[in-house]
C-alpha atoms as a PDB file:
ATOM      1  CA  UNK A   1      17.338  36.251 -11.366  1.00  0.00           C
ATOM      2  CA  UNK A   2      14.172  34.799  -9.824  1.00  0.00           C
ATOM      3  CA  UNK A   3      14.851  32.401  -6.896  1.00  0.00           C
ATOM      4  CA  UNK A   4      14.340  28.704  -7.810  1.00  0.00           C
ATOM      5  CA  UNK A   5      11.827  28.070  -5.017  1.00  0.00           C
ATOM      6  CA  UNK A   6       9.656  30.985  -6.181  1.00  0.00           C
ATOM      7  CA  UNK A   7       9.727  29.873  -9.812  1.00  0.00           C
ATOM      8  CA  UNK A   8       8.951  26.302  -8.827  1.00  0.00           C
ATOM      9  CA  UNK A   9       6.083  27.546  -6.666  1.00  0.00           C
ATOM     10  CA  UNK A  10       4.747  29.509  -9.644  1.00  0.00           C
ATOM     11  CA  UNK A  11       4.896  26.399 -11.772  1.00  0.00           C
ATOM     12  CA  UNK A  12       3.092  24.499  -9.015  1.00  0.00           C
ATOM     13  CA  UNK A  13       0.355  27.145  -8.962  1.00  0.00           C
ATOM     14  CA  UNK A  14      -0.021  26.693 -12.714  1.00  0.00           C
ATOM     15  CA  UNK A  15      -0.333  22.947 -12.192  1.00  0.00           C
ATOM     16  CA  UNK A  16      -3.011  23.398  -9.578  1.00  0.00           C
ATOM     17  CA  UNK A  17      -4.979  25.984 -11.527  1.00  0.00           C
ATOM     18  CA  UNK A  18      -4.825  24.230 -14.904  1.00  0.00           C
ATOM     19  CA  UNK A  19      -6.750  21.054 -13.994  1.00  0.00           C
ATOM     20  CA  UNK A  20      -9.260  23.113 -12.021  1.00  0.00           C
ATOM     21  CA  UNK A  21     -10.083  25.260 -15.035  1.00  0.00           C
ATOM     22  CA  UNK A  22     -10.326  22.194 -17.254  1.00  0.00           C
ATOM     23  CA  UNK A  23     -12.716  20.511 -14.833  1.00  0.00           C
ATOM     24  CA  UNK A  24     -14.888  23.618 -14.663  1.00  0.00           C
ATOM     25  CA  UNK A  25     -14.966  23.851 -18.460  1.00  0.00           C
ATOM     26  CA  UNK A  26     -15.816  20.193 -18.748  1.00  0.00           C
ATOM     27  CA  UNK A  27     -18.629  20.548 -16.221  1.00  0.00           C
ATOM     28  CA  UNK A  28     -20.094  23.494 -18.154  1.00  0.00           C
ATOM     29  CA  UNK A  29     -19.808  21.643 -21.450  1.00  0.00           C
ATOM     30  CA  UNK A  30     -21.640  18.584 -20.097  1.00  0.00           C
ATOM     31  CA  UNK A  31     -24.248  20.409 -18.023  1.00  0.00           C
ATOM     32  CA  UNK A  32     -26.958  20.138 -20.639  1.00  0.00           C
ATOM     33  CA  UNK A  33     -26.283  16.604 -21.854  1.00  0.00           C
ATOM     34  CA  UNK A  34     -29.204  14.177 -21.520  1.00  0.00           C
ATOM     35  CA  UNK A  35     -28.995  11.256 -19.081  1.00  0.00           C
ATOM     36  CA  UNK A  36     -28.086   7.846 -20.445  1.00  0.00           C
ATOM     37  CA  UNK A  37     -30.675   5.180 -21.041  1.00  0.00           C
ATOM     38  CA  UNK A  38     -30.755   2.312 -18.499  1.00  0.00           C
ATOM     39  CA  UNK A  39     -28.504  -0.560 -19.422  1.00  0.00           C
ATOM     40  CA  UNK A  40     -30.144  -3.864 -20.412  1.00  0.00           C
ATOM     41  CA  UNK A  41     -29.907  -6.917 -18.202  1.00  0.00           C
ATOM     42  CA  UNK A  42     -27.078  -9.340 -19.028  1.00  0.00           C
ATOM     43  CA  UNK A  43     -27.963 -12.562 -20.853  1.00  0.00           C
ATOM     44  CA  UNK A  44     -28.755 -15.570 -18.691  1.00  0.00           C
ATOM     45  CA  UNK A  45     -25.557 -17.528 -19.626  1.00  0.00           C
ATOM     46  CA  UNK A  46     -23.540 -14.616 -18.216  1.00  0.00           C
ATOM     47  CA  UNK A  47     -25.827 -13.710 -15.310  1.00  0.00           C
ATOM     48  CA  UNK A  48     -25.812 -17.135 -13.646  1.00  0.00           C
ATOM     49  CA  UNK A  49     -21.999 -17.540 -13.503  1.00  0.00           C
ATOM     50  CA  UNK A  50     -21.730 -13.936 -12.319  1.00  0.00           C
ATOM     51  CA  UNK A  51     -24.120 -14.652  -9.429  1.00  0.00           C
ATOM     52  CA  UNK A  52     -22.219 -17.823  -8.560  1.00  0.00           C
ATOM     53  CA  UNK A  53     -18.955 -15.871  -8.528  1.00  0.00           C
ATOM     54  CA  UNK A  54     -20.460 -13.182  -6.314  1.00  0.00           C
ATOM     55  CA  UNK A  55     -21.781 -15.810  -3.883  1.00  0.00           C
ATOM     56  CA  UNK A  56     -18.400 -17.556  -3.881  1.00  0.00           C
ATOM     57  CA  UNK A  57     -16.651 -14.344  -2.836  1.00  0.00           C
ATOM     58  CA  UNK A  58     -19.251 -13.154  -0.322  1.00  0.00           C
ATOM     59  CA  UNK A  59     -20.182 -16.423   1.388  1.00  0.00           C
ATOM     60  CA  UNK A  60     -17.002 -16.736   3.529  1.00  0.00           C
ATOM     61  CA  UNK A  61     -17.330 -13.110   4.652  1.00  0.00           C
ATOM     62  CA  UNK A  62     -21.004 -13.553   5.503  1.00  0.00           C
ATOM     63  CA  UNK A  63     -20.164 -16.743   7.418  1.00  0.00           C
ATOM     64  CA  UNK A  64     -17.536 -14.820   9.398  1.00  0.00           C
ATOM     65  CA  UNK A  65     -20.119 -12.204  10.334  1.00  0.00           C
ATOM     66  CA  UNK A  66     -22.737 -14.849  11.223  1.00  0.00           C
ATOM     67  CA  UNK A  67     -20.383 -16.848  13.450  1.00  0.00           C
ATOM     68  CA  UNK A  68     -18.873 -13.778  15.126  1.00  0.00           C
ATOM     69  CA  UNK A  69     -19.287 -13.705  18.928  1.00  0.00           C
ATOM     70  CA  UNK A  70     -20.936 -10.288  18.941  1.00  0.00           C
ATOM     71  CA  UNK A  71     -21.913 -10.497  22.615  1.00  0.00           C
ATOM     72  CA  UNK A  72     -18.373 -11.275  23.743  1.00  0.00           C
ATOM     73  CA  UNK A  73     -16.671  -9.142  21.094  1.00  0.00           C
ATOM     74  CA  UNK A  74     -15.795  -6.180  23.386  1.00  0.00           C
ATOM     75  CA  UNK A  75     -14.221  -8.558  25.890  1.00  0.00           C
ATOM     76  CA  UNK A  76     -12.291 -10.365  23.148  1.00  0.00           C
ATOM     77  CA  UNK A  77     -10.937  -7.171  21.625  1.00  0.00           C
ATOM     78  CA  UNK A  78      -9.897  -5.702  24.980  1.00  0.00           C
ATOM     79  CA  UNK A  79      -7.958  -8.746  26.184  1.00  0.00           C
ATOM     80  CA  UNK A  80      -4.257  -8.214  26.762  1.00  0.00           C
ATOM     81  CA  UNK A  81      -3.122 -10.627  24.026  1.00  0.00           C
ATOM     82  CA  UNK A  82      -5.403  -9.193  21.360  1.00  0.00           C
ATOM     83  CA  UNK A  83      -4.552  -5.595  22.272  1.00  0.00           C
ATOM     84  CA  UNK A  84      -0.828  -6.406  22.165  1.00  0.00           C
ATOM     85  CA  UNK A  85      -1.123  -7.902  18.695  1.00  0.00           C
ATOM     86  CA  UNK A  86      -3.324  -5.041  17.489  1.00  0.00           C
ATOM     87  CA  UNK A  87      -0.992  -2.350  18.808  1.00  0.00           C
ATOM     88  CA  UNK A  88       2.101  -4.053  17.393  1.00  0.00           C
ATOM     89  CA  UNK A  89       0.422  -4.494  14.011  1.00  0.00           C
ATOM     90  CA  UNK A  90      -0.551  -0.829  13.774  1.00  0.00           C
ATOM     91  CA  UNK A  91       2.910   0.388  14.799  1.00  0.00           C
ATOM     92  CA  UNK A  92       4.782  -1.977  12.481  1.00  0.00           C
ATOM     93  CA  UNK A  93       2.475  -1.376   9.500  1.00  0.00           C
ATOM     94  CA  UNK A  94       2.839   2.386   9.924  1.00  0.00           C
ATOM     95  CA  UNK A  95       6.622   2.134  10.229  1.00  0.00           C
ATOM     96  CA  UNK A  96       6.776  -0.111   7.145  1.00  0.00           C
ATOM     97  CA  UNK A  97       4.688   2.429   5.219  1.00  0.00           C
ATOM     98  CA  UNK A  98       7.039   5.252   6.230  1.00  0.00           C
ATOM     99  CA  UNK A  99      10.026   3.197   5.051  1.00  0.00           C
ATOM    100  CA  UNK A 100       8.220   2.477   1.779  1.00  0.00           C
ATOM    101  CA  UNK A 101       7.503   6.182   1.271  1.00  0.00           C
ATOM    102  CA  UNK A 102      11.082   7.273   1.948  1.00  0.00           C
ATOM    103  CA  UNK A 103      12.690   4.846  -0.500  1.00  0.00           C
ATOM    104  CA  UNK A 104       9.744   3.901  -2.712  1.00  0.00           C
ATOM    105  CA  UNK A 105       8.751   7.344  -4.013  1.00  0.00           C
ATOM    106  CA  UNK A 106      12.283   8.124  -5.306  1.00  0.00           C
ATOM    107  CA  UNK A 107      12.429   4.648  -6.852  1.00  0.00           C
ATOM    108  CA  UNK A 108       9.113   5.240  -8.631  1.00  0.00           C
ATOM    109  CA  UNK A 109      10.378   8.607  -9.907  1.00  0.00           C
ATOM    110  CA  UNK A 110      13.550   6.992 -11.302  1.00  0.00           C
ATOM    111  CA  UNK A 111      11.503   4.318 -13.078  1.00  0.00           C
ATOM    112  CA  UNK A 112       9.043   6.832 -14.521  1.00  0.00           C
ATOM    113  CA  UNK A 113      11.255   9.807 -15.379  1.00  0.00           C
ATOM    114  CA  UNK A 114      14.662   8.399 -16.382  1.00  0.00           C
ATOM    115  CA  UNK A 115      15.974   6.085 -19.095  1.00  0.00           C
ATOM    116  CA  UNK A 116      18.785   3.648 -18.344  1.00  0.00           C
ATOM    117  CA  UNK A 117      19.818   0.232 -19.628  1.00  0.00           C
ATOM    118  CA  UNK A 118      17.813  -2.578 -18.051  1.00  0.00           C
ATOM    119  CA  UNK A 119      14.991  -0.390 -16.773  1.00  0.00           C
ATOM    120  CA  UNK A 120      12.409  -3.042 -17.710  1.00  0.00           C
ATOM    121  CA  UNK A 121      14.347  -5.669 -15.760  1.00  0.00           C
ATOM    122  CA  UNK A 122      14.595  -3.371 -12.746  1.00  0.00           C
ATOM    123  CA  UNK A 123      10.848  -2.726 -12.862  1.00  0.00           C
ATOM    124  CA  UNK A 124      10.187  -6.472 -13.010  1.00  0.00           C
ATOM    125  CA  UNK A 125      12.444  -7.066 -10.004  1.00  0.00           C
ATOM    126  CA  UNK A 126      10.736  -4.272  -8.061  1.00  0.00           C
ATOM    127  CA  UNK A 127       7.326  -5.850  -8.618  1.00  0.00           C
ATOM    128  CA  UNK A 128       8.573  -9.390  -7.946  1.00  0.00           C
ATOM    129  CA  UNK A 129       7.405  -9.418  -4.287  1.00  0.00           C
ATOM    130  CA  UNK A 130       3.835  -9.022  -5.573  1.00  0.00           C
ATOM    131  CA  UNK A 131       3.885 -12.545  -7.049  1.00  0.00           C
ATOM    132  CA  UNK A 132       6.575 -14.111  -4.877  1.00  0.00           C
ATOM    133  CA  UNK A 133       5.152 -16.428  -2.179  1.00  0.00           C
ATOM    134  CA  UNK A 134       5.530 -14.561   1.114  1.00  0.00           C
ATOM    135  CA  UNK A 135       7.276 -17.522   2.763  1.00  0.00           C
ATOM    136  CA  UNK A 136       9.882 -17.454   0.002  1.00  0.00           C
ATOM    137  CA  UNK A 137      10.302 -13.735   0.641  1.00  0.00           C
ATOM    138  CA  UNK A 138      10.920 -14.481   4.320  1.00  0.00           C
ATOM    139  CA  UNK A 139      13.543 -17.094   3.465  1.00  0.00           C
ATOM    140  CA  UNK A 140      15.212 -14.628   1.085  1.00  0.00           C
ATOM    141  CA  UNK A 141      15.299 -12.009   3.839  1.00  0.00           C
ATOM    142  CA  UNK A 142      16.910 -14.529   6.180  1.00  0.00           C
ATOM    143  CA  UNK A 143      19.573 -15.323   3.590  1.00  0.00           C
ATOM    144  CA  UNK A 144      20.255 -11.606   3.089  1.00  0.00           C
ATOM    145  CA  UNK A 145      19.777 -10.068   6.539  1.00  0.00           C
ATOM    146  CA  UNK A 146      20.066 -13.019   8.893  1.00  0.00           C
ATOM    147  CA  UNK A 147      22.940 -13.286  11.356  1.00  0.00           C
ATOM    148  CA  UNK A 148      24.886 -15.339   8.805  1.00  0.00           C
ATOM    149  CA  UNK A 149      23.331 -13.658   5.777  1.00  0.00           C
ATOM    150  CA  UNK A 150      25.064 -11.888   2.941  1.00  0.00           C
ATOM    151  CA  UNK A 151      24.570  -8.458   4.527  1.00  0.00           C
ATOM    152  CA  UNK A 152      23.370  -9.470   7.982  1.00  0.00           C
ATOM    153  CA  UNK A 153      26.760 -10.797   9.088  1.00  0.00           C
ATOM    154  CA  UNK A 154      28.303  -7.371   8.498  1.00  0.00           C
ATOM    155  CA  UNK A 155      25.442  -5.621  10.296  1.00  0.00           C
ATOM    156  CA  UNK A 156      26.010  -7.916  13.261  1.00  0.00           C
ATOM    157  CA  UNK A 157      29.818  -7.690  13.388  1.00  0.00           C
ATOM    158  CA  UNK A 158      30.166  -3.973  12.589  1.00  0.00           C
ATOM    159  CA  UNK A 159      27.102  -2.411  14.227  1.00  0.00           C
ATOM    160  CA  UNK A 160      25.719  -5.152  16.482  1.00  0.00           C
ATOM    161  CA  UNK A 161      22.399  -5.014  14.615  1.00  0.00           C
ATOM    162  CA  UNK A 162      20.378  -8.226  14.388  1.00  0.00           C
ATOM    163  CA  UNK A 163      17.094  -8.019  12.497  1.00  0.00           C
ATOM    164  CA  UNK A 164      15.576 -11.542  12.508  1.00  0.00           C
ATOM    165  CA  UNK A 165      13.098 -12.322  15.298  1.00  0.00           C
ATOM    166  CA  UNK A 166      12.845  -8.683  16.381  1.00  0.00           C
ATOM    167  CA  UNK A 167      10.237  -5.965  15.998  1.00  0.00           C
ATOM    168  CA  UNK A 168      12.506  -4.248  13.473  1.00  0.00           C
ATOM    169  CA  UNK A 169      12.498  -7.508  11.534  1.00  0.00           C
ATOM    170  CA  UNK A 170       8.692  -7.319  11.357  1.00  0.00           C
ATOM    171  CA  UNK A 171       8.960  -3.833   9.855  1.00  0.00           C
ATOM    172  CA  UNK A 172      11.535  -5.022   7.309  1.00  0.00           C
ATOM    173  CA  UNK A 173       9.418  -8.019   6.279  1.00  0.00           C
ATOM    174  CA  UNK A 174       6.280  -5.908   5.929  1.00  0.00           C
ATOM    175  CA  UNK A 175       8.076  -3.202   3.951  1.00  0.00           C
ATOM    176  CA  UNK A 176       9.519  -5.846   1.603  1.00  0.00           C
ATOM    177  CA  UNK A 177       6.088  -7.129   0.609  1.00  0.00           C
ATOM    178  CA  UNK A 178       4.231  -3.797   0.765  1.00  0.00           C
ATOM    179  CA  UNK A 179       6.544  -1.351  -0.991  1.00  0.00           C
ATOM    180  CA  UNK A 180       5.814  -2.632  -4.546  1.00  0.00           C
ATOM    181  CA  UNK A 181       2.189  -1.510  -4.143  1.00  0.00           C
ATOM    182  CA  UNK A 182       3.383   2.015  -3.414  1.00  0.00           C
ATOM    183  CA  UNK A 183       5.933   2.018  -6.247  1.00  0.00           C
ATOM    184  CA  UNK A 184       3.372   0.842  -8.823  1.00  0.00           C
ATOM    185  CA  UNK A 185       0.810   3.426  -7.733  1.00  0.00           C
ATOM    186  CA  UNK A 186       3.273   6.339  -7.699  1.00  0.00           C
ATOM    187  CA  UNK A 187       4.921   5.321 -10.971  1.00  0.00           C
ATOM    188  CA  UNK A 188       1.549   5.138 -12.706  1.00  0.00           C
ATOM    189  CA  UNK A 189       0.645   8.576 -11.386  1.00  0.00           C
ATOM    190  CA  UNK A 190       3.980   9.988 -12.554  1.00  0.00           C
ATOM    191  CA  UNK A 191       3.520   8.564 -16.034  1.00  0.00           C
ATOM    192  CA  UNK A 192       0.057  10.129 -16.236  1.00  0.00           C
ATOM    193  CA  UNK A 193       1.364  13.526 -15.062  1.00  0.00           C
ATOM    194  CA  UNK A 194       2.629  15.975 -17.665  1.00  0.00           C
ATOM    195  CA  UNK A 195       6.451  16.252 -17.353  1.00  0.00           C
ATOM    196  CA  UNK A 196       6.393  19.681 -19.004  1.00  0.00           C
ATOM    197  CA  UNK A 197       5.607  21.284 -15.639  1.00  0.00           C
ATOM    198  CA  UNK A 198       8.906  19.997 -14.265  1.00  0.00           C
ATOM    199  CA  UNK A 199      10.679  21.122 -17.423  1.00  0.00           C
ATOM    200  CA  UNK A 200       9.159  24.595 -17.076  1.00  0.00           C
ATOM    201  CA  UNK A 201      10.385  24.857 -13.492  1.00  0.00           C
ATOM    202  CA  UNK A 202      13.924  23.804 -14.435  1.00  0.00           C
ATOM    203  CA  UNK A 203      13.877  26.249 -17.370  1.00  0.00           C
ATOM    204  CA  UNK A 204      13.035  29.045 -14.930  1.00  0.00           C
ATOM    205  CA  UNK A 205      16.093  28.194 -12.836  1.00  0.00           C
ATOM    206  CA  UNK A 206      14.927  25.577 -10.339  1.00  0.00           C
ATOM    207  CA  UNK A 207      17.049  22.502  -9.776  1.00  0.00           C
ATOM    208  CA  UNK A 208      15.588  19.105 -10.609  1.00  0.00           C
ATOM    209  CA  UNK A 209      15.186  18.305  -6.921  1.00  0.00           C
ATOM    210  CA  UNK A 210      13.449  21.643  -6.273  1.00  0.00           C
ATOM    211  CA  UNK A 211      11.121  20.982  -9.220  1.00  0.00           C
ATOM    212  CA  UNK A 212      10.384  17.546  -7.813  1.00  0.00           C
ATOM    213  CA  UNK A 213       9.713  18.932  -4.336  1.00  0.00           C
ATOM    214  CA  UNK A 214       7.690  22.018  -5.301  1.00  0.00           C
ATOM    215  CA  UNK A 215       5.975  20.877  -8.522  1.00  0.00           C
ATOM    216  CA  UNK A 216       5.922  17.113  -8.881  1.00  0.00           C
ATOM    217  CA  UNK A 217       5.053  16.141  -5.313  1.00  0.00           C
ATOM    218  CA  UNK A 218       1.898  18.321  -5.139  1.00  0.00           C
ATOM    219  CA  UNK A 219       0.904  17.017  -8.560  1.00  0.00           C
ATOM    220  CA  UNK A 220       1.183  13.323  -7.632  1.00  0.00           C
ATOM    221  CA  UNK A 221       0.026  13.636  -4.013  1.00  0.00           C
ATOM    222  CA  UNK A 222      -3.217  11.654  -4.620  1.00  0.00           C
ATOM    223  CA  UNK A 223      -1.252   8.792  -6.141  1.00  0.00           C
ATOM    224  CA  UNK A 224       1.188   8.802  -3.225  1.00  0.00           C
ATOM    225  CA  UNK A 225      -1.710   8.772  -0.747  1.00  0.00           C
ATOM    226  CA  UNK A 226      -3.402   5.879  -2.543  1.00  0.00           C
ATOM    227  CA  UNK A 227      -0.160   3.915  -2.707  1.00  0.00           C
ATOM    228  CA  UNK A 228       0.549   4.566   0.963  1.00  0.00           C
ATOM    229  CA  UNK A 229      -2.889   3.314   1.969  1.00  0.00           C
ATOM    230  CA  UNK A 230      -2.431   0.174  -0.137  1.00  0.00           C
ATOM    231  CA  UNK A 231       1.029  -0.434   1.303  1.00  0.00           C
ATOM    232  CA  UNK A 232      -0.246   0.078   4.851  1.00  0.00           C
ATOM    233  CA  UNK A 233      -3.110  -2.355   4.364  1.00  0.00           C
ATOM    234  CA  UNK A 234      -0.800  -4.940   2.788  1.00  0.00           C
ATOM    235  CA  UNK A 235       1.693  -4.571   5.627  1.00  0.00           C
ATOM    236  CA  UNK A 236      -1.074  -4.925   8.200  1.00  0.00           C
ATOM    237  CA  UNK A 237      -2.167  -8.243   6.700  1.00  0.00           C
ATOM    238  CA  UNK A 238       1.293  -9.717   6.089  1.00  0.00           C
ATOM    239  CA  UNK A 239       1.789 -13.246   7.450  1.00  0.00           C
ATOM    240  CA  UNK A 240       4.222 -15.494   5.553  1.00  0.00           C
ATOM    241  CA  UNK A 241       7.330 -13.303   5.383  1.00  0.00           C
ATOM    242  CA  UNK A 242       6.782 -12.085   8.952  1.00  0.00           C
ATOM    243  CA  UNK A 243       6.548 -15.511  10.575  1.00  0.00           C
ATOM    244  CA  UNK A 244       9.516 -16.778   8.558  1.00  0.00           C
ATOM    245  CA  UNK A 245      11.840 -13.816   9.127  1.00  0.00           C
ATOM    246  CA  UNK A 246      10.651 -12.439  12.484  1.00  0.00           C
ATOM    247  CA  UNK A 247       8.997 -15.412  14.177  1.00  0.00           C
ATOM    248  CA  UNK A 248       5.888 -15.415  16.354  1.00  0.00           C
ATOM    249  CA  UNK A 249       6.784 -14.002  19.782  1.00  0.00           C
ATOM    250  CA  UNK A 250       3.884 -12.358  21.689  1.00  0.00           C
ATOM    251  CA  UNK A 251       4.496  -8.697  22.373  1.00  0.00           C
ATOM    252  CA  UNK A 252       7.565  -8.554  20.120  1.00  0.00           C
ATOM    253  CA  UNK A 253       6.779 -10.003  16.671  1.00  0.00           C
ATOM    254  CA  UNK A 254       3.244 -11.411  16.942  1.00  0.00           C
ATOM    255  CA  UNK A 255       1.092  -9.255  14.669  1.00  0.00           C
ATOM    256  CA  UNK A 256      -2.641  -9.671  14.121  1.00  0.00           C
ATOM    257  CA  UNK A 257      -2.440 -12.247  11.279  1.00  0.00           C
ATOM    258  CA  UNK A 258      -0.068 -14.346  13.388  1.00  0.00           C
ATOM    259  CA  UNK A 259      -2.353 -13.975  16.404  1.00  0.00           C
ATOM    260  CA  UNK A 260      -5.300 -15.131  14.277  1.00  0.00           C
ATOM    261  CA  UNK A 261      -3.366 -18.227  13.214  1.00  0.00           C
ATOM    262  CA  UNK A 262      -2.374 -19.035  16.792  1.00  0.00           C
ATOM    263  CA  UNK A 263      -5.798 -18.290  18.296  1.00  0.00           C
ATOM    264  CA  UNK A 264      -7.552 -20.489  15.733  1.00  0.00           C
ATOM    265  CA  UNK A 265      -5.939 -23.502  17.402  1.00  0.00           C
ATOM    266  CA  UNK A 266      -6.775 -22.563  20.988  1.00  0.00           C
ATOM    267  CA  UNK A 267      -9.496 -19.881  21.019  1.00  0.00           C
ATOM    268  CA  UNK A 268     -11.581 -19.728  17.800  1.00  0.00           C
ATOM    269  CA  UNK A 269     -13.693 -16.853  19.111  1.00  0.00           C
ATOM    270  CA  UNK A 270     -10.601 -14.684  19.559  1.00  0.00           C
ATOM    271  CA  UNK A 271      -9.517 -15.636  16.040  1.00  0.00           C
ATOM    272  CA  UNK A 272     -12.885 -14.512  14.682  1.00  0.00           C
ATOM    273  CA  UNK A 273     -12.679 -11.244  16.626  1.00  0.00           C
ATOM    274  CA  UNK A 274      -9.245 -10.444  15.186  1.00  0.00           C
ATOM    275  CA  UNK A 275     -10.434 -11.441  11.726  1.00  0.00           C
ATOM    276  CA  UNK A 276     -13.287  -8.962  12.039  1.00  0.00           C
ATOM    277  CA  UNK A 277     -10.791  -6.199  12.814  1.00  0.00           C
ATOM    278  CA  UNK A 278      -8.782  -7.038   9.695  1.00  0.00           C
ATOM    279  CA  UNK A 279     -12.011  -7.213   7.678  1.00  0.00           C
ATOM    280  CA  UNK A 280     -13.035  -3.765   8.911  1.00  0.00           C
ATOM    281  CA  UNK A 281      -9.635  -2.376   7.931  1.00  0.00           C
ATOM    282  CA  UNK A 282      -9.935  -3.881   4.450  1.00  0.00           C
ATOM    283  CA  UNK A 283     -13.398  -2.394   3.937  1.00  0.00           C
ATOM    284  CA  UNK A 284     -12.133   1.003   5.114  1.00  0.00           C
ATOM    285  CA  UNK A 285      -9.263   0.861   2.607  1.00  0.00           C
ATOM    286  CA  UNK A 286     -11.619  -0.018  -0.230  1.00  0.00           C
ATOM    287  CA  UNK A 287     -13.959   2.806   0.731  1.00  0.00           C
ATOM    288  CA  UNK A 288     -11.071   5.271   0.866  1.00  0.00           C
ATOM    289  CA  UNK A 289      -9.831   4.276  -2.598  1.00  0.00           C
ATOM    290  CA  UNK A 290     -13.228   3.898  -4.243  1.00  0.00           C
ATOM    291  CA  UNK A 291     -13.090   7.216  -6.115  1.00  0.00           C
ATOM    292  CA  UNK A 292      -9.641   6.334  -7.462  1.00  0.00           C
ATOM    293  CA  UNK A 293     -10.516   2.836  -8.685  1.00  0.00           C
ATOM    294  CA  UNK A 294     -14.143   3.157  -9.752  1.00  0.00           C
ATOM    295  CA  UNK A 295     -14.858   5.724 -12.459  1.00  0.00           C
ATOM    296  CA  UNK A 296     -18.422   6.930 -13.018  1.00  0.00           C
ATOM    297  CA  UNK A 297     -20.193   5.051 -15.860  1.00  0.00           C
END
C-alpha cells in the first residue's frame, strides 16, 4: 500500500501542476486577442461626486504629510518613548497574528468544509468583532478574562495567570479583533478551492489531517498569507480594545496607537511622526495585497 504522505504529496503535485497548465493554456488562447477600446469618461453628475469623495478621503492624509516635521522626523522616531511603543507594537502584532493563525486556520476549515447545526450562527459570531465597537470588545474581554471574570478567576486561582494590564493582555486584545480578518480570508479561499483534491488524497489512503497538511495548505497558502497580513495590520492599529483591556502603561502595554493618542495632548509632532509610521505600514499592506484585491480590467 502506498504511504499516505506520498499519496498526499502526489495529489499536491497535481494541484500545483493543474492551475499552471490552465494558466498557460489561457495565455495561449488570449495571445492574439485585440486590445480593448478606451473607456468613455463618466457623466458629469457622477464625476463631480466621485471627485468630491476622492478629495474627502485624500485630504486628511495629504494634510498629515504637509504638517509632518520632516526635519525633526529622525529625532522623533529614534526617541526612547517612540521606539518603545514601536517595538512593543511590532512584537504584539506579530504574536497576535501567530495566535490567529494557530486557531483561526482550523476554524476557517471547519466553517468551509464541514456541515453542522448552527453553522451560520457560528460564522456570524466569528465575524462579530468586525462590527463590534472595539471598546465594547475590551469590556467583554474584561468580563471574560479579568481577575473576576468568568474564566479569568480560574486562570488566576489555578495558574496564577492575570491577563489584564499586561503585555499578554495586549496580544489577546489584538488577536480578538484581528482574527476574524484571517478567518474570512482563509474561509473564502477554501470555498474557492476544489475539495476533490482532498477527496482524492483520502481515497489514496491519506488521513484527513494528512490531506489537509500536504494538499490543502499548499493550495490555500496565498489566502492564508493575505489573511495574515490583514490580521497583522489590524492588530498593529488596534486601540479601543487594547486601552480598555490592557491599559496604557509605557513599555508594557502602550502600543503605537495609544502613544499617538497620548502624544497628541503633549507633543503633537511626535504624534504626527507615529501616525506617519502607521500610514506607511497601511500603504505597504495595500501594496502587498493589490494583486489579490484588484483584478485586471
